[in-house]
């Protein structure tokens, strides 16, 4: 179960580059009123490679 199951991030049929994914995640956090968590998420998500970014997104959000 993700950290924020009430926040959905759409990854299917979208641009899959890291910048686009991070942009969608930031928007989702902002819309959910949790923009104060952005720095924590960004640090974790960008601490390694692209697969780690995807895993982090799935750990934090409901992914569709």
PDB file of N, CA and C in Angstrom:
ATOM      1  N   UNK A   1       0.842  -1.177   0.000  1.00  0.00           N
ATOM      2  CA  UNK A   1       0.000   0.000   0.000  1.00  0.00           C
ATOM      3  C   UNK A   1       0.890   1.244   0.000  1.00  0.00           C
ATOM      4  N   UNK A   2       0.575   2.195  -0.878  1.00  0.00           N
ATOM      5  CA  UNK A   2       1.408   3.400  -0.949  1.00  0.00           C
ATOM      6  C   UNK A   2       1.236   4.310   0.267  1.00  0.00           C
ATOM      7  N   UNK A   3       2.205   5.155   0.441  1.00  0.00           N
ATOM      8  CA  UNK A   3       2.205   6.118   1.535  1.00  0.00           C
ATOM      9  C   UNK A   3       0.980   7.039   1.463  1.00  0.00           C
ATOM     10  N   UNK A   4       0.621   7.457   0.254  1.00  0.00           N
ATOM     11  CA  UNK A   4      -0.536   8.321   0.028  1.00  0.00           C
ATOM     12  C   UNK A   4      -1.460   7.670  -0.991  1.00  0.00           C
ATOM     13  N   UNK A   5      -2.257   6.682  -0.554  1.00  0.00           N
ATOM     14  CA  UNK A   5      -3.117   5.962  -1.507  1.00  0.00           C
ATOM     15  C   UNK A   5      -4.220   6.830  -2.107  1.00  0.00           C
ATOM     16  N   UNK A   6      -4.505   7.955  -1.489  1.00  0.00           N
ATOM     17  CA  UNK A   6      -5.544   8.856  -2.005  1.00  0.00           C
ATOM     18  C   UNK A   6      -5.030   9.774  -3.118  1.00  0.00           C
ATOM     19  N   UNK A   7      -3.724   9.751  -3.368  1.00  0.00           N
ATOM     20  CA  UNK A   7      -3.141  10.568  -4.431  1.00  0.00           C
ATOM     21  C   UNK A   7      -2.802   9.667  -5.606  1.00  0.00           C
ATOM     22  N   UNK A   8      -3.388   9.961  -6.769  1.00  0.00           N
ATOM     23  CA  UNK A   8      -3.139   9.159  -7.964  1.00  0.00           C
ATOM     24  C   UNK A   8      -2.188   9.878  -8.906  1.00  0.00           C
ATOM     25  N   UNK A   9      -1.245   9.106  -9.425  1.00  0.00           N
ATOM     26  CA  UNK A   9      -0.328   9.599 -10.450  1.00  0.00           C
ATOM     27  C   UNK A   9      -0.486   8.681 -11.656  1.00  0.00           C
ATOM     28  N   UNK A  10      -0.753   9.284 -12.793  1.00  0.00           N
ATOM     29  CA  UNK A  10      -0.987   8.522 -14.010  1.00  0.00           C
ATOM     30  C   UNK A  10       0.320   8.371 -14.793  1.00  0.00           C
ATOM     31  N   UNK A  11       0.716   7.119 -15.004  1.00  0.00           N
ATOM     32  CA  UNK A  11       1.953   6.842 -15.738  1.00  0.00           C
ATOM     33  C   UNK A  11       1.698   6.162 -17.073  1.00  0.00           C
ATOM     34  N   UNK A  12       0.569   5.508 -17.239  1.00  0.00           N
ATOM     35  CA  UNK A  12       0.291   4.807 -18.487  1.00  0.00           C
ATOM     36  C   UNK A  12      -0.147   5.783 -19.564  1.00  0.00           C
ATOM     37  N   UNK A  13       0.290   5.492 -20.781  1.00  0.00           N
ATOM     38  CA  UNK A  13      -0.017   6.328 -21.951  1.00  0.00           C
ATOM     39  C   UNK A  13       0.441   7.775 -21.767  1.00  0.00           C
ATOM     40  N   UNK A  14       1.540   7.953 -21.084  1.00  0.00           N
ATOM     41  CA  UNK A  14       2.112   9.286 -20.825  1.00  0.00           C
ATOM     42  C   UNK A  14       3.581   9.284 -21.221  1.00  0.00           C
ATOM     43  N   UNK A  15       4.140  10.485 -21.271  1.00  0.00           N
ATOM     44  CA  UNK A  15       5.582  10.610 -21.495  1.00  0.00           C
ATOM     45  C   UNK A  15       6.290   9.997 -20.291  1.00  0.00           C
ATOM     46  N   UNK A  16       7.192   9.064 -20.529  1.00  0.00           N
ATOM     47  CA  UNK A  16       7.825   8.336 -19.449  1.00  0.00           C
ATOM     48  C   UNK A  16       9.166   8.858 -19.010  1.00  0.00           C
ATOM     49  N   UNK A  17       9.556  10.057 -19.467  1.00  0.00           N
ATOM     50  CA  UNK A  17      10.860  10.531 -19.018  1.00  0.00           C
ATOM     51  C   UNK A  17      10.778  11.016 -17.568  1.00  0.00           C
ATOM     52  N   UNK A  18      11.900  11.014 -16.903  1.00  0.00           N
ATOM     53  CA  UNK A  18      11.941  11.317 -15.470  1.00  0.00           C
ATOM     54  C   UNK A  18      11.383  12.702 -15.149  1.00  0.00           C
ATOM     55  N   UNK A  19      11.682  13.689 -15.975  1.00  0.00           N
ATOM     56  CA  UNK A  19      11.195  15.042 -15.699  1.00  0.00           C
ATOM     57  C   UNK A  19       9.673  15.118 -15.769  1.00  0.00           C
ATOM     58  N   UNK A  20       9.081  14.431 -16.730  1.00  0.00           N
ATOM     59  CA  UNK A  20       7.626  14.420 -16.863  1.00  0.00           C
ATOM     60  C   UNK A  20       6.982  13.713 -15.670  1.00  0.00           C
ATOM     61  N   UNK A  21       7.574  12.616 -15.241  1.00  0.00           N
ATOM     62  CA  UNK A  21       7.045  11.889 -14.091  1.00  0.00           C
ATOM     63  C   UNK A  21       7.130  12.742 -12.828  1.00  0.00           C
ATOM     64  N   UNK A  22       8.259  13.379 -12.622  1.00  0.00           N
ATOM     65  CA  UNK A  22       8.417  14.238 -11.449  1.00  0.00           C
ATOM     66  C   UNK A  22       7.433  15.402 -11.479  1.00  0.00           C
ATOM     67  N   UNK A  23       7.197  15.937 -12.646  1.00  0.00           N
ATOM     68  CA  UNK A  23       6.235  17.028 -12.786  1.00  0.00           C
ATOM     69  C   UNK A  23       4.834  16.573 -12.391  1.00  0.00           C
ATOM     70  N   UNK A  24       4.436  15.382 -12.841  1.00  0.00           N
ATOM     71  CA  UNK A  24       3.117  14.860 -12.482  1.00  0.00           C
ATOM     72  C   UNK A  24       3.022  14.599 -10.979  1.00  0.00           C
ATOM     73  N   UNK A  25       4.093  14.126 -10.383  1.00  0.00           N
ATOM     74  CA  UNK A  25       4.102  13.867  -8.945  1.00  0.00           C
ATOM     75  C   UNK A  25       3.986  15.168  -8.155  1.00  0.00           C
ATOM     76  N   UNK A  26       4.711  16.181  -8.589  1.00  0.00           N
ATOM     77  CA  UNK A  26       4.635  17.469  -7.896  1.00  0.00           C
ATOM     78  C   UNK A  26       3.224  18.042  -7.996  1.00  0.00           C
ATOM     79  N   UNK A  27       2.634  17.950  -9.174  1.00  0.00           N
ATOM     80  CA  UNK A  27       1.271  18.452  -9.358  1.00  0.00           C
ATOM     81  C   UNK A  27       0.298  17.688  -8.468  1.00  0.00           C
ATOM     82  N   UNK A  28       0.451  16.374  -8.394  1.00  0.00           N
ATOM     83  CA  UNK A  28      -0.436  15.558  -7.569  1.00  0.00           C
ATOM     84  C   UNK A  28      -0.319  15.926  -6.093  1.00  0.00           C
ATOM     85  N   UNK A  29       0.896  16.108  -5.610  1.00  0.00           N
ATOM     86  CA  UNK A  29       1.093  16.515  -4.215  1.00  0.00           C
ATOM     87  C   UNK A  29       0.482  17.884  -3.954  1.00  0.00           C
ATOM     88  N   UNK A  30       0.675  18.799  -4.871  1.00  0.00           N
ATOM     89  CA  UNK A  30       0.139  20.149  -4.721  1.00  0.00           C
ATOM     90  C   UNK A  30      -1.386  20.126  -4.678  1.00  0.00           C
ATOM     91  N   UNK A  31      -1.992  19.398  -5.601  1.00  0.00           N
ATOM     92  CA  UNK A  31      -3.456  19.323  -5.641  1.00  0.00           C
ATOM     93  C   UNK A  31      -4.020  18.664  -4.387  1.00  0.00           C
ATOM     94  N   UNK A  32      -3.256  17.782  -3.769  1.00  0.00           N
ATOM     95  CA  UNK A  32      -3.701  17.109  -2.546  1.00  0.00           C
ATOM     96  C   UNK A  32      -3.401  17.934  -1.294  1.00  0.00           C
ATOM     97  N   UNK A  33      -2.778  19.090  -1.470  1.00  0.00           N
ATOM     98  CA  UNK A  33      -2.455  19.942  -0.324  1.00  0.00           C
ATOM     99  C   UNK A  33      -1.267  19.448   0.477  1.00  0.00           C
ATOM    100  N   UNK A  34      -0.418  18.655  -0.135  1.00  0.00           N
ATOM    101  CA  UNK A  34       0.750  18.109   0.555  1.00  0.00           C
ATOM    102  C   UNK A  34       2.050  18.548  -0.111  1.00  0.00           C
ATOM    103  N   UNK A  35       2.057  19.765  -0.633  1.00  0.00           N
ATOM    104  CA  UNK A  35       3.250  20.249  -1.321  1.00  0.00           C
ATOM    105  C   UNK A  35       4.455  20.351  -0.390  1.00  0.00           C
ATOM    106  N   UNK A  36       4.229  20.365   0.917  1.00  0.00           N
ATOM    107  CA  UNK A  36       5.345  20.392   1.861  1.00  0.00           C
ATOM    108  C   UNK A  36       6.131  19.077   1.846  1.00  0.00           C
ATOM    109  N   UNK A  37       5.572  18.027   1.258  1.00  0.00           N
ATOM    110  CA  UNK A  37       6.244  16.732   1.158  1.00  0.00           C
ATOM    111  C   UNK A  37       7.095  16.613  -0.106  1.00  0.00           C
ATOM    112  N   UNK A  38       7.027  17.613  -0.978  1.00  0.00           N
ATOM    113  CA  UNK A  38       7.728  17.551  -2.260  1.00  0.00           C
ATOM    114  C   UNK A  38       9.233  17.356  -2.099  1.00  0.00           C
ATOM    115  N   UNK A  39       9.850  18.108  -1.233  1.00  0.00           N
ATOM    116  CA  UNK A  39      11.300  18.018  -1.056  1.00  0.00           C
ATOM    117  C   UNK A  39      11.715  16.613  -0.600  1.00  0.00           C
ATOM    118  N   UNK A  40      10.967  16.057   0.329  1.00  0.00           N
ATOM    119  CA  UNK A  40      11.250  14.696   0.813  1.00  0.00           C
ATOM    120  C   UNK A  40      11.105  13.678  -0.323  1.00  0.00           C
ATOM    121  N   UNK A  41      10.010  13.804  -1.076  1.00  0.00           N
ATOM    122  CA  UNK A  41       9.795  12.901  -2.199  1.00  0.00           C
ATOM    123  C   UNK A  41      10.904  13.043  -3.241  1.00  0.00           C
ATOM    124  N   UNK A  42      11.213  14.267  -3.622  1.00  0.00           N
ATOM    125  CA  UNK A  42      12.215  14.517  -4.646  1.00  0.00           C
ATOM    126  C   UNK A  42      13.576  13.946  -4.253  1.00  0.00           C
ATOM    127  N   UNK A  43      13.964  14.144  -3.011  1.00  0.00           N
ATOM    128  CA  UNK A  43      15.244  13.616  -2.534  1.00  0.00           C
ATOM    129  C   UNK A  43      15.282  12.096  -2.648  1.00  0.00           C
ATOM    130  N   UNK A  44      14.202  11.448  -2.216  1.00  0.00           N
ATOM    131  CA  UNK A  44      14.154   9.982  -2.286  1.00  0.00           C
ATOM    132  C   UNK A  44      14.106   9.494  -3.732  1.00  0.00           C
ATOM    133  N   UNK A  45      13.263  10.117  -4.540  1.00  0.00           N
ATOM    134  CA  UNK A  45      13.051   9.655  -5.915  1.00  0.00           C
ATOM    135  C   UNK A  45      14.280   9.822  -6.795  1.00  0.00           C
ATOM    136  N   UNK A  46      15.075  10.843  -6.536  1.00  0.00           N
ATOM    137  CA  UNK A  46      16.232  11.125  -7.386  1.00  0.00           C
ATOM    138  C   UNK A  46      17.553  10.672  -6.777  1.00  0.00           C
ATOM    139  N   UNK A  47      17.472   9.823  -5.769  1.00  0.00           N
ATOM    140  CA  UNK A  47      18.704   9.379  -5.112  1.00  0.00           C
ATOM    141  C   UNK A  47      19.410   8.244  -5.848  1.00  0.00           C
ATOM    142  N   UNK A  48      18.796   7.739  -6.919  1.00  0.00           N
ATOM    143  CA  UNK A  48      19.431   6.641  -7.672  1.00  0.00           C
ATOM    144  C   UNK A  48      19.004   6.736  -9.138  1.00  0.00           C
ATOM    145  N   UNK A  49      18.792   5.603  -9.760  1.00  0.00           N
ATOM    146  CA  UNK A  49      18.514   5.533 -11.193  1.00  0.00           C
ATOM    147  C   UNK A  49      17.008   5.597 -11.510  1.00  0.00           C
ATOM    148  N   UNK A  50      16.696   5.472 -12.792  1.00  0.00           N
ATOM    149  CA  UNK A  50      15.313   5.560 -13.270  1.00  0.00           C
ATOM    150  C   UNK A  50      14.403   4.489 -12.651  1.00  0.00           C
ATOM    151  N   UNK A  51      14.837   3.230 -12.591  1.00  0.00           N
ATOM    152  CA  UNK A  51      13.976   2.239 -11.929  1.00  0.00           C
ATOM    153  C   UNK A  51      13.664   2.612 -10.475  1.00  0.00           C
ATOM    154  N   UNK A  52      14.640   3.180  -9.784  1.00  0.00           N
ATOM    155  CA  UNK A  52      14.410   3.626  -8.400  1.00  0.00           C
ATOM    156  C   UNK A  52      13.353   4.735  -8.363  1.00  0.00           C
ATOM    157  N   UNK A  53      13.387   5.631  -9.328  1.00  0.00           N
ATOM    158  CA  UNK A  53      12.376   6.692  -9.421  1.00  0.00           C
ATOM    159  C   UNK A  53      10.984   6.066  -9.524  1.00  0.00           C
ATOM    160  N   UNK A  54      10.825   5.094 -10.415  1.00  0.00           N
ATOM    161  CA  UNK A  54       9.519   4.449 -10.592  1.00  0.00           C
ATOM    162  C   UNK A  54       9.074   3.720  -9.327  1.00  0.00           C
ATOM    163  N   UNK A  55       9.984   3.037  -8.683  1.00  0.00           N
ATOM    164  CA  UNK A  55       9.667   2.337  -7.431  1.00  0.00           C
ATOM    165  C   UNK A  55       9.226   3.334  -6.366  1.00  0.00           C
ATOM    166  N   UNK A  56       9.912   4.455  -6.270  1.00  0.00           N
ATOM    167  CA  UNK A  56       9.562   5.474  -5.290  1.00  0.00           C
ATOM    168  C   UNK A  56       8.171   6.039  -5.556  1.00  0.00           C
ATOM    169  N   UNK A  57       7.865   6.300  -6.820  1.00  0.00           N
ATOM    170  CA  UNK A  57       6.528   6.788  -7.171  1.00  0.00           C
ATOM    171  C   UNK A  57       5.474   5.784  -6.707  1.00  0.00           C
ATOM    172  N   UNK A  58       5.728   4.495  -6.939  1.00  0.00           N
ATOM    173  CA  UNK A  58       4.766   3.469  -6.536  1.00  0.00           C
ATOM    174  C   UNK A  58       4.685   3.318  -5.024  1.00  0.00           C
ATOM    175  N   UNK A  59       5.780   3.617  -4.313  1.00  0.00           N
ATOM    176  CA  UNK A  59       5.762   3.570  -2.855  1.00  0.00           C
ATOM    177  C   UNK A  59       4.971   4.729  -2.261  1.00  0.00           C
ATOM    178  N   UNK A  60       4.960   5.855  -2.951  1.00  0.00           N
ATOM    179  CA  UNK A  60       4.323   7.054  -2.421  1.00  0.00           C
ATOM    180  C   UNK A  60       2.867   7.222  -2.856  1.00  0.00           C
ATOM    181  N   UNK A  61       2.545   6.834  -4.102  1.00  0.00           N
ATOM    182  CA  UNK A  61       1.246   7.164  -4.686  1.00  0.00           C
ATOM    183  C   UNK A  61       0.556   5.947  -5.279  1.00  0.00           C
ATOM    184  N   UNK A  62      -0.744   6.094  -5.475  1.00  0.00           N
ATOM    185  CA  UNK A  62      -1.503   5.132  -6.260  1.00  0.00           C
ATOM    186  C   UNK A  62      -1.163   5.414  -7.726  1.00  0.00           C
ATOM    187  N   UNK A  63      -0.708   4.409  -8.434  1.00  0.00           N
ATOM    188  CA  UNK A  63      -0.252   4.605  -9.809  1.00  0.00           C
ATOM    189  C   UNK A  63      -1.240   3.954 -10.772  1.00  0.00           C
ATOM    190  N   UNK A  64      -1.573   4.699 -11.804  1.00  0.00           N
ATOM    191  CA  UNK A  64      -2.443   4.166 -12.863  1.00  0.00           C
ATOM    192  C   UNK A  64      -1.787   4.389 -14.190  1.00  0.00           C
TER     193      UNK A  64
END
